């Protein structure tokens, strides 16, 4: 079940409608990136962060793998806007 939830989240992100994608997150969602010390709380802030991130075009999210065990899941996703390339493991 958790694998399907993660897959649907990334599909929603692929719509580039980040308000819609944020509805796939828990209402008490928290985001922390230890590499940059970034922190935000709430689905609305997540949507704003992603919508405001500069890009050269539409964001494309390619799921490389999802590993799940019961209620826990981890995804490995390649992300690009046609110019920048990134990888998210969450």
PDB file of N, CA and C in Angstrom:
ATOM      1  N   UNK A   1       0.817  -1.203   0.000  1.00  0.00           N
ATOM      2  CA  UNK A   1       0.000   0.000   0.000  1.00  0.00           C
ATOM      3  C   UNK A   1       0.861   1.267   0.000  1.00  0.00           C
ATOM      4  N   UNK A   2       1.928   1.296   0.804  1.00  0.00           N
ATOM      5  CA  UNK A   2       2.764   2.490   0.866  1.00  0.00           C
ATOM      6  C   UNK A   2       3.432   2.768  -0.480  1.00  0.00           C
ATOM      7  N   UNK A   3       3.742   1.719  -1.235  1.00  0.00           N
ATOM      8  CA  UNK A   3       4.355   1.909  -2.551  1.00  0.00           C
ATOM      9  C   UNK A   3       3.401   2.654  -3.483  1.00  0.00           C
ATOM     10  N   UNK A   4       2.136   2.308  -3.444  1.00  0.00           N
ATOM     11  CA  UNK A   4       1.129   2.969  -4.277  1.00  0.00           C
ATOM     12  C   UNK A   4       0.970   4.439  -3.878  1.00  0.00           C
ATOM     13  N   UNK A   5       1.012   4.721  -2.589  1.00  0.00           N
ATOM     14  CA  UNK A   5       0.902   6.101  -2.112  1.00  0.00           C
ATOM     15  C   UNK A   5       2.067   6.937  -2.631  1.00  0.00           C
ATOM     16  N   UNK A   6       3.275   6.386  -2.540  1.00  0.00           N
ATOM     17  CA  UNK A   6       4.464   7.097  -3.019  1.00  0.00           C
ATOM     18  C   UNK A   6       4.394   7.304  -4.532  1.00  0.00           C
ATOM     19  N   UNK A   7       3.979   6.280  -5.240  1.00  0.00           N
ATOM     20  CA  UNK A   7       3.868   6.384  -6.700  1.00  0.00           C
ATOM     21  C   UNK A   7       2.874   7.481  -7.079  1.00  0.00           C
ATOM     22  N   UNK A   8       1.751   7.540  -6.403  1.00  0.00           N
ATOM     23  CA  UNK A   8       0.748   8.568  -6.711  1.00  0.00           C
ATOM     24  C   UNK A   8       1.252   9.971  -6.379  1.00  0.00           C
ATOM     25  N   UNK A   9       2.065  10.088  -5.316  1.00  0.00           N
ATOM     26  CA  UNK A   9       2.641  11.386  -4.987  1.00  0.00           C
ATOM     27  C   UNK A   9       3.524  11.866  -6.136  1.00  0.00           C
ATOM     28  N   UNK A  10       4.429  10.992  -6.623  1.00  0.00           N
ATOM     29  CA  UNK A  10       5.335  11.412  -7.700  1.00  0.00           C
ATOM     30  C   UNK A  10       4.580  11.678  -8.995  1.00  0.00           C
ATOM     31  N   UNK A  11       3.519  10.940  -9.249  1.00  0.00           N
ATOM     32  CA  UNK A  11       2.691  11.231 -10.422  1.00  0.00           C
ATOM     33  C   UNK A  11       2.064  12.613 -10.292  1.00  0.00           C
ATOM     34  N   UNK A  12       1.603  12.963  -9.087  1.00  0.00           N
ATOM     35  CA  UNK A  12       1.038  14.289  -8.851  1.00  0.00           C
ATOM     36  C   UNK A  12       2.104  15.365  -9.026  1.00  0.00           C
ATOM     37  N   UNK A  13       3.318  15.112  -8.566  1.00  0.00           N
ATOM     38  CA  UNK A  13       4.407  16.074  -8.762  1.00  0.00           C
ATOM     39  C   UNK A  13       4.651  16.283 -10.256  1.00  0.00           C
ATOM     40  N   UNK A  14       4.530  15.221 -11.044  1.00  0.00           N
ATOM     41  CA  UNK A  14       4.734  15.299 -12.482  1.00  0.00           C
ATOM     42  C   UNK A  14       3.721  16.178 -13.193  1.00  0.00           C
ATOM     43  N   UNK A  15       2.589  16.444 -12.543  1.00  0.00           N
ATOM     44  CA  UNK A  15       1.592  17.339 -13.137  1.00  0.00           C
ATOM     45  C   UNK A  15       2.065  18.790 -13.099  1.00  0.00           C
ATOM     46  N   UNK A  16       3.100  19.057 -12.282  1.00  0.00           N
ATOM     47  CA  UNK A  16       3.615  20.409 -12.039  1.00  0.00           C
ATOM     48  C   UNK A  16       2.575  21.306 -11.377  1.00  0.00           C
ATOM     49  N   UNK A  17       1.508  20.702 -10.872  1.00  0.00           N
ATOM     50  CA  UNK A  17       0.510  21.408 -10.058  1.00  0.00           C
ATOM     51  C   UNK A  17       0.867  21.071  -8.616  1.00  0.00           C
ATOM     52  N   UNK A  18       1.725  21.898  -8.021  1.00  0.00           N
ATOM     53  CA  UNK A  18       2.286  21.560  -6.718  1.00  0.00           C
ATOM     54  C   UNK A  18       1.282  21.731  -5.588  1.00  0.00           C
ATOM     55  N   UNK A  19       0.240  22.532  -5.791  1.00  0.00           N
ATOM     56  CA  UNK A  19      -0.842  22.582  -4.806  1.00  0.00           C
ATOM     57  C   UNK A  19      -1.562  21.238  -4.774  1.00  0.00           C
ATOM     58  N   UNK A  20      -1.804  20.671  -5.947  1.00  0.00           N
ATOM     59  CA  UNK A  20      -2.432  19.350  -6.031  1.00  0.00           C
ATOM     60  C   UNK A  20      -1.523  18.287  -5.416  1.00  0.00           C
ATOM     61  N   UNK A  21      -0.245  18.315  -5.766  1.00  0.00           N
ATOM     62  CA  UNK A  21       0.700  17.326  -5.234  1.00  0.00           C
ATOM     63  C   UNK A  21       0.771  17.406  -3.716  1.00  0.00           C
ATOM     64  N   UNK A  22       0.700  18.612  -3.168  1.00  0.00           N
ATOM     65  CA  UNK A  22       0.785  18.788  -1.715  1.00  0.00           C
ATOM     66  C   UNK A  22      -0.384  18.138  -0.986  1.00  0.00           C
ATOM     67  N   UNK A  23      -1.503  17.948  -1.671  1.00  0.00           N
ATOM     68  CA  UNK A  23      -2.644  17.285  -1.023  1.00  0.00           C
ATOM     69  C   UNK A  23      -2.338  15.814  -0.753  1.00  0.00           C
ATOM     70  N   UNK A  24      -1.285  15.295  -1.366  1.00  0.00           N
ATOM     71  CA  UNK A  24      -0.876  13.908  -1.145  1.00  0.00           C
ATOM     72  C   UNK A  24      -0.022  13.765   0.120  1.00  0.00           C
ATOM     73  N   UNK A  25       0.337  14.900   0.731  1.00  0.00           N
ATOM     74  CA  UNK A  25       1.160  14.895   1.938  1.00  0.00           C
ATOM     75  C   UNK A  25       0.277  14.970   3.183  1.00  0.00           C
ATOM     76  N   UNK A  26       0.809  14.511   4.293  1.00  0.00           N
ATOM     77  CA  UNK A  26       0.114  14.604   5.581  1.00  0.00           C
ATOM     78  C   UNK A  26      -0.075  16.078   5.932  1.00  0.00           C
ATOM     79  N   UNK A  27      -1.198  16.443   6.549  1.00  0.00           N
ATOM     80  CA  UNK A  27      -1.412  17.847   6.923  1.00  0.00           C
ATOM     81  C   UNK A  27      -0.298  18.426   7.802  1.00  0.00           C
ATOM     82  N   UNK A  28       0.350  17.592   8.601  1.00  0.00           N
ATOM     83  CA  UNK A  28       1.442  18.043   9.470  1.00  0.00           C
ATOM     84  C   UNK A  28       2.812  17.788   8.847  1.00  0.00           C
ATOM     85  N   UNK A  29       2.866  17.748   7.530  1.00  0.00           N
ATOM     86  CA  UNK A  29       4.103  17.475   6.808  1.00  0.00           C
ATOM     87  C   UNK A  29       5.226  18.410   7.249  1.00  0.00           C
ATOM     88  N   UNK A  30       6.433  17.851   7.425  1.00  0.00           N
ATOM     89  CA  UNK A  30       7.628  18.634   7.715  1.00  0.00           C
ATOM     90  C   UNK A  30       8.720  18.221   6.745  1.00  0.00           C
ATOM     91  N   UNK A  31       9.486  19.198   6.304  1.00  0.00           N
ATOM     92  CA  UNK A  31      10.558  18.981   5.329  1.00  0.00           C
ATOM     93  C   UNK A  31      11.858  19.482   5.942  1.00  0.00           C
ATOM     94  N   UNK A  32      12.852  18.614   5.965  1.00  0.00           N
ATOM     95  CA  UNK A  32      14.166  19.014   6.460  1.00  0.00           C
ATOM     96  C   UNK A  32      15.224  18.431   5.542  1.00  0.00           C
ATOM     97  N   UNK A  33      16.093  19.303   5.022  1.00  0.00           N
ATOM     98  CA  UNK A  33      17.182  18.854   4.173  1.00  0.00           C
ATOM     99  C   UNK A  33      18.485  19.143   4.922  1.00  0.00           C
ATOM    100  N   UNK A  34      19.095  18.093   5.488  1.00  0.00           N
ATOM    101  CA  UNK A  34      20.291  18.315   6.317  1.00  0.00           C
ATOM    102  C   UNK A  34      21.485  18.896   5.555  1.00  0.00           C
ATOM    103  N   UNK A  35      21.573  18.649   4.250  1.00  0.00           N
ATOM    104  CA  UNK A  35      22.702  19.166   3.476  1.00  0.00           C
ATOM    105  C   UNK A  35      22.731  20.694   3.458  1.00  0.00           C
ATOM    106  N   UNK A  36      21.558  21.308   3.435  1.00  0.00           N
ATOM    107  CA  UNK A  36      21.467  22.765   3.317  1.00  0.00           C
ATOM    108  C   UNK A  36      20.815  23.421   4.536  1.00  0.00           C
ATOM    109  N   UNK A  37      20.415  22.602   5.497  1.00  0.00           N
ATOM    110  CA  UNK A  37      19.766  23.093   6.716  1.00  0.00           C
ATOM    111  C   UNK A  37      18.411  23.740   6.435  1.00  0.00           C
ATOM    112  N   UNK A  38      17.773  23.379   5.336  1.00  0.00           N
ATOM    113  CA  UNK A  38      16.453  23.920   5.009  1.00  0.00           C
ATOM    114  C   UNK A  38      15.388  23.184   5.804  1.00  0.00           C
ATOM    115  N   UNK A  39      14.412  23.944   6.294  1.00  0.00           N
ATOM    116  CA  UNK A  39      13.289  23.361   7.022  1.00  0.00           C
ATOM    117  C   UNK A  39      12.035  24.137   6.663  1.00  0.00           C
ATOM    118  N   UNK A  40      10.944  23.414   6.463  1.00  0.00           N
ATOM    119  CA  UNK A  40       9.648  24.051   6.328  1.00  0.00           C
ATOM    120  C   UNK A  40       8.592  23.106   6.852  1.00  0.00           C
ATOM    121  N   UNK A  41       7.478  23.667   7.220  1.00  0.00           N
ATOM    122  CA  UNK A  41       6.379  22.879   7.770  1.00  0.00           C
ATOM    123  C   UNK A  41       5.104  23.191   6.999  1.00  0.00           C
ATOM    124  N   UNK A  42       4.319  22.156   6.734  1.00  0.00           N
ATOM    125  CA  UNK A  42       3.016  22.322   6.114  1.00  0.00           C
ATOM    126  C   UNK A  42       2.995  22.079   4.626  1.00  0.00           C
ATOM    127  N   UNK A  43       1.862  21.559   4.178  1.00  0.00           N
ATOM    128  CA  UNK A  43       1.677  21.257   2.753  1.00  0.00           C
ATOM    129  C   UNK A  43       1.713  22.519   1.894  1.00  0.00           C
ATOM    130  N   UNK A  44       1.113  23.599   2.395  1.00  0.00           N
ATOM    131  CA  UNK A  44       1.056  24.827   1.614  1.00  0.00           C
ATOM    132  C   UNK A  44       2.460  25.377   1.362  1.00  0.00           C
ATOM    133  N   UNK A  45       3.313  25.315   2.367  1.00  0.00           N
ATOM    134  CA  UNK A  45       4.690  25.795   2.197  1.00  0.00           C
ATOM    135  C   UNK A  45       5.473  24.916   1.228  1.00  0.00           C
ATOM    136  N   UNK A  46       5.202  23.610   1.248  1.00  0.00           N
ATOM    137  CA  UNK A  46       5.826  22.695   0.294  1.00  0.00           C
ATOM    138  C   UNK A  46       5.432  23.081  -1.130  1.00  0.00           C
ATOM    139  N   UNK A  47       4.148  23.351  -1.331  1.00  0.00           N
ATOM    140  CA  UNK A  47       3.667  23.731  -2.661  1.00  0.00           C
ATOM    141  C   UNK A  47       4.303  25.040  -3.115  1.00  0.00           C
ATOM    142  N   UNK A  48       4.370  26.029  -2.218  1.00  0.00           N
ATOM    143  CA  UNK A  48       4.966  27.319  -2.548  1.00  0.00           C
ATOM    144  C   UNK A  48       6.440  27.190  -2.905  1.00  0.00           C
ATOM    145  N   UNK A  49       7.162  26.375  -2.142  1.00  0.00           N
ATOM    146  CA  UNK A  49       8.585  26.168  -2.406  1.00  0.00           C
ATOM    147  C   UNK A  49       8.796  25.602  -3.805  1.00  0.00           C
ATOM    148  N   UNK A  50       8.036  24.573  -4.149  1.00  0.00           N
ATOM    149  CA  UNK A  50       8.207  23.936  -5.454  1.00  0.00           C
ATOM    150  C   UNK A  50       7.720  24.815  -6.598  1.00  0.00           C
ATOM    151  N   UNK A  51       6.619  25.519  -6.411  1.00  0.00           N
ATOM    152  CA  UNK A  51       6.103  26.386  -7.468  1.00  0.00           C
ATOM    153  C   UNK A  51       7.037  27.566  -7.722  1.00  0.00           C
ATOM    154  N   UNK A  52       7.745  28.019  -6.694  1.00  0.00           N
ATOM    155  CA  UNK A  52       8.619  29.166  -6.840  1.00  0.00           C
ATOM    156  C   UNK A  52      10.039  28.832  -7.241  1.00  0.00           C
ATOM    157  N   UNK A  53      10.360  27.543  -7.332  1.00  0.00           N
ATOM    158  CA  UNK A  53      11.716  27.145  -7.673  1.00  0.00           C
ATOM    159  C   UNK A  53      11.967  27.443  -9.143  1.00  0.00           C
ATOM    160  N   UNK A  54      13.036  28.168  -9.475  1.00  0.00           N
ATOM    161  CA  UNK A  54      13.286  28.532 -10.880  1.00  0.00           C
ATOM    162  C   UNK A  54      13.529  27.302 -11.754  1.00  0.00           C
ATOM    163  N   UNK A  55      12.983  27.352 -12.962  1.00  0.00           N
ATOM    164  CA  UNK A  55      13.179  26.231 -13.880  1.00  0.00           C
ATOM    165  C   UNK A  55      13.224  26.726 -15.312  1.00  0.00           C
ATOM    166  N   UNK A  56      13.771  25.888 -16.178  1.00  0.00           N
ATOM    167  CA  UNK A  56      13.860  26.183 -17.604  1.00  0.00           C
ATOM    168  C   UNK A  56      12.659  25.623 -18.366  1.00  0.00           C
ATOM    169  N   UNK A  57      11.819  24.891 -17.700  1.00  0.00           N
ATOM    170  CA  UNK A  57      10.655  24.270 -18.329  1.00  0.00           C
ATOM    171  C   UNK A  57       9.892  23.454 -17.302  1.00  0.00           C
ATOM    172  N   UNK A  58       9.038  22.582 -17.784  1.00  0.00           N
ATOM    173  CA  UNK A  58       8.270  21.719 -16.880  1.00  0.00           C
ATOM    174  C   UNK A  58       9.198  20.748 -16.170  1.00  0.00           C
ATOM    175  N   UNK A  59       8.884  20.467 -14.920  1.00  0.00           N
ATOM    176  CA  UNK A  59       9.630  19.465 -14.171  1.00  0.00           C
ATOM    177  C   UNK A  59       9.149  18.074 -14.564  1.00  0.00           C
ATOM    178  N   UNK A  60      10.085  17.188 -14.769  1.00  0.00           N
ATOM    179  CA  UNK A  60       9.793  15.792 -15.097  1.00  0.00           C
ATOM    180  C   UNK A  60      10.388  14.934 -13.992  1.00  0.00           C
ATOM    181  N   UNK A  61       9.583  14.030 -13.450  1.00  0.00           N
ATOM    182  CA  UNK A  61       9.988  13.159 -12.355  1.00  0.00           C
ATOM    183  C   UNK A  61       9.938  11.716 -12.863  1.00  0.00           C
ATOM    184  N   UNK A  62      11.082  11.044 -12.838  1.00  0.00           N
ATOM    185  CA  UNK A  62      11.168   9.661 -13.317  1.00  0.00           C
ATOM    186  C   UNK A  62      11.504   8.755 -12.149  1.00  0.00           C
ATOM    187  N   UNK A  63      10.538   7.952 -11.759  1.00  0.00           N
ATOM    188  CA  UNK A  63      10.747   7.030 -10.645  1.00  0.00           C
ATOM    189  C   UNK A  63      11.707   5.935 -11.083  1.00  0.00           C
ATOM    190  N   UNK A  64      12.824   5.818 -10.371  1.00  0.00           N
ATOM    191  CA  UNK A  64      13.795   4.771 -10.651  1.00  0.00           C
ATOM    192  C   UNK A  64      13.457   3.506  -9.865  1.00  0.00           C
ATOM    193  N   UNK A  65      13.058   3.702  -8.610  1.00  0.00           N
ATOM    194  CA  UNK A  65      12.651   2.550  -7.798  1.00  0.00           C
ATOM    195  C   UNK A  65      11.883   3.019  -6.575  1.00  0.00           C
ATOM    196  N   UNK A  66      11.046   2.126  -6.091  1.00  0.00           N
ATOM    197  CA  UNK A  66      10.350   2.307  -4.817  1.00  0.00           C
ATOM    198  C   UNK A  66      10.518   1.006  -4.058  1.00  0.00           C
ATOM    199  N   UNK A  67      11.024   1.113  -2.844  1.00  0.00           N
ATOM    200  CA  UNK A  67      11.189  -0.060  -1.984  1.00  0.00           C
ATOM    201  C   UNK A  67      10.271   0.144  -0.793  1.00  0.00           C
ATOM    202  N   UNK A  68       9.420  -0.838  -0.521  1.00  0.00           N
ATOM    203  CA  UNK A  68       8.489  -0.691   0.594  1.00  0.00           C
ATOM    204  C   UNK A  68       8.436  -1.968   1.413  1.00  0.00           C
ATOM    205  N   UNK A  69       8.107  -1.767   2.681  1.00  0.00           N
ATOM    206  CA  UNK A  69       7.957  -2.870   3.621  1.00  0.00           C
ATOM    207  C   UNK A  69       6.879  -2.457   4.612  1.00  0.00           C
ATOM    208  N   UNK A  70       5.671  -2.895   4.388  1.00  0.00           N
ATOM    209  CA  UNK A  70       4.586  -2.500   5.273  1.00  0.00           C
ATOM    210  C   UNK A  70       4.231  -1.041   5.095  1.00  0.00           C
ATOM    211  N   UNK A  71       4.371  -0.261   6.171  1.00  0.00           N
ATOM    212  CA  UNK A  71       4.013   1.158   6.134  1.00  0.00           C
ATOM    213  C   UNK A  71       5.172   2.074   5.772  1.00  0.00           C
ATOM    214  N   UNK A  72       6.356   1.516   5.537  1.00  0.00           N
ATOM    215  CA  UNK A  72       7.534   2.322   5.217  1.00  0.00           C
ATOM    216  C   UNK A  72       7.886   2.169   3.739  1.00  0.00           C
ATOM    217  N   UNK A  73       8.335   3.272   3.134  1.00  0.00           N
ATOM    218  CA  UNK A  73       8.732   3.221   1.731  1.00  0.00           C
ATOM    219  C   UNK A  73       9.813   4.261   1.469  1.00  0.00           C
ATOM    220  N   UNK A  74      10.673   3.956   0.507  1.00  0.00           N
ATOM    221  CA  UNK A  74      11.713   4.868   0.055  1.00  0.00           C
ATOM    222  C   UNK A  74      11.667   4.897  -1.465  1.00  0.00           C
ATOM    223  N   UNK A  75      11.768   6.111  -2.024  1.00  0.00           N
ATOM    224  CA  UNK A  75      11.766   6.230  -3.480  1.00  0.00           C
ATOM    225  C   UNK A  75      13.059   6.882  -3.951  1.00  0.00           C
ATOM    226  N   UNK A  76      13.466   6.484  -5.138  1.00  0.00           N
ATOM    227  CA  UNK A  76      14.634   7.049  -5.819  1.00  0.00           C
ATOM    228  C   UNK A  76      14.104   7.633  -7.124  1.00  0.00           C
ATOM    229  N   UNK A  77      14.200   8.954  -7.269  1.00  0.00           N
ATOM    230  CA  UNK A  77      13.556   9.640  -8.380  1.00  0.00           C
ATOM    231  C   UNK A  77      14.544  10.594  -9.053  1.00  0.00           C
ATOM    232  N   UNK A  78      14.621  10.519 -10.375  1.00  0.00           N
ATOM    233  CA  UNK A  78      15.400  11.491 -11.147  1.00  0.00           C
ATOM    234  C   UNK A  78      14.474  12.641 -11.516  1.00  0.00           C
ATOM    235  N   UNK A  79      15.026  13.862 -11.432  1.00  0.00           N
ATOM    236  CA  UNK A  79      14.232  15.072 -11.660  1.00  0.00           C
ATOM    237  C   UNK A  79      14.989  15.956 -12.658  1.00  0.00           C
ATOM    238  N   UNK A  80      14.247  16.495 -13.628  1.00  0.00           N
ATOM    239  CA  UNK A  80      14.881  17.414 -14.573  1.00  0.00           C
ATOM    240  C   UNK A  80      13.855  18.422 -15.070  1.00  0.00           C
ATOM    241  N   UNK A  81      14.360  19.582 -15.462  1.00  0.00           N
ATOM    242  CA  UNK A  81      13.553  20.583 -16.130  1.00  0.00           C
ATOM    243  C   UNK A  81      14.026  20.756 -17.578  1.00  0.00           C
ATOM    244  N   UNK A  82      14.846  19.802 -18.031  1.00  0.00           N
ATOM    245  CA  UNK A  82      15.420  19.873 -19.361  1.00  0.00           C
ATOM    246  C   UNK A  82      16.822  20.465 -19.353  1.00  0.00           C
ATOM    247  N   UNK A  83      17.133  21.204 -18.309  1.00  0.00           N
ATOM    248  CA  UNK A  83      18.446  21.816 -18.167  1.00  0.00           C
ATOM    249  C   UNK A  83      19.146  21.283 -16.924  1.00  0.00           C
ATOM    250  N   UNK A  84      18.516  21.441 -15.782  1.00  0.00           N
ATOM    251  CA  UNK A  84      19.061  20.963 -14.521  1.00  0.00           C
ATOM    252  C   UNK A  84      18.661  19.510 -14.289  1.00  0.00           C
ATOM    253  N   UNK A  85      19.543  18.751 -13.679  1.00  0.00           N
ATOM    254  CA  UNK A  85      19.252  17.365 -13.327  1.00  0.00           C
ATOM    255  C   UNK A  85      19.515  17.177 -11.840  1.00  0.00           C
ATOM    256  N   UNK A  86      18.617  16.450 -11.183  1.00  0.00           N
ATOM    257  CA  UNK A  86      18.743  16.199  -9.757  1.00  0.00           C
ATOM    258  C   UNK A  86      18.225  14.802  -9.458  1.00  0.00           C
ATOM    259  N   UNK A  87      18.451  14.390  -8.247  1.00  0.00           N
ATOM    260  CA  UNK A  87      17.994  13.078  -7.799  1.00  0.00           C
ATOM    261  C   UNK A  87      17.446  13.230  -6.385  1.00  0.00           C
ATOM    262  N   UNK A  88      16.275  12.669  -6.140  1.00  0.00           N
ATOM    263  CA  UNK A  88      15.672  12.713  -4.811  1.00  0.00           C
ATOM    264  C   UNK A  88      15.519  11.295  -4.300  1.00  0.00           C
ATOM    265  N   UNK A  89      16.028  11.067  -3.120  1.00  0.00           N
ATOM    266  CA  UNK A  89      15.839   9.778  -2.453  1.00  0.00           C
ATOM    267  C   UNK A  89      15.097  10.080  -1.172  1.00  0.00           C
ATOM    268  N   UNK A  90      13.818   9.747  -1.163  1.00  0.00           N
ATOM    269  CA  UNK A  90      12.954  10.048  -0.013  1.00  0.00           C
ATOM    270  C   UNK A  90      12.044   8.888   0.312  1.00  0.00           C
TER     271      UNK A  90
END
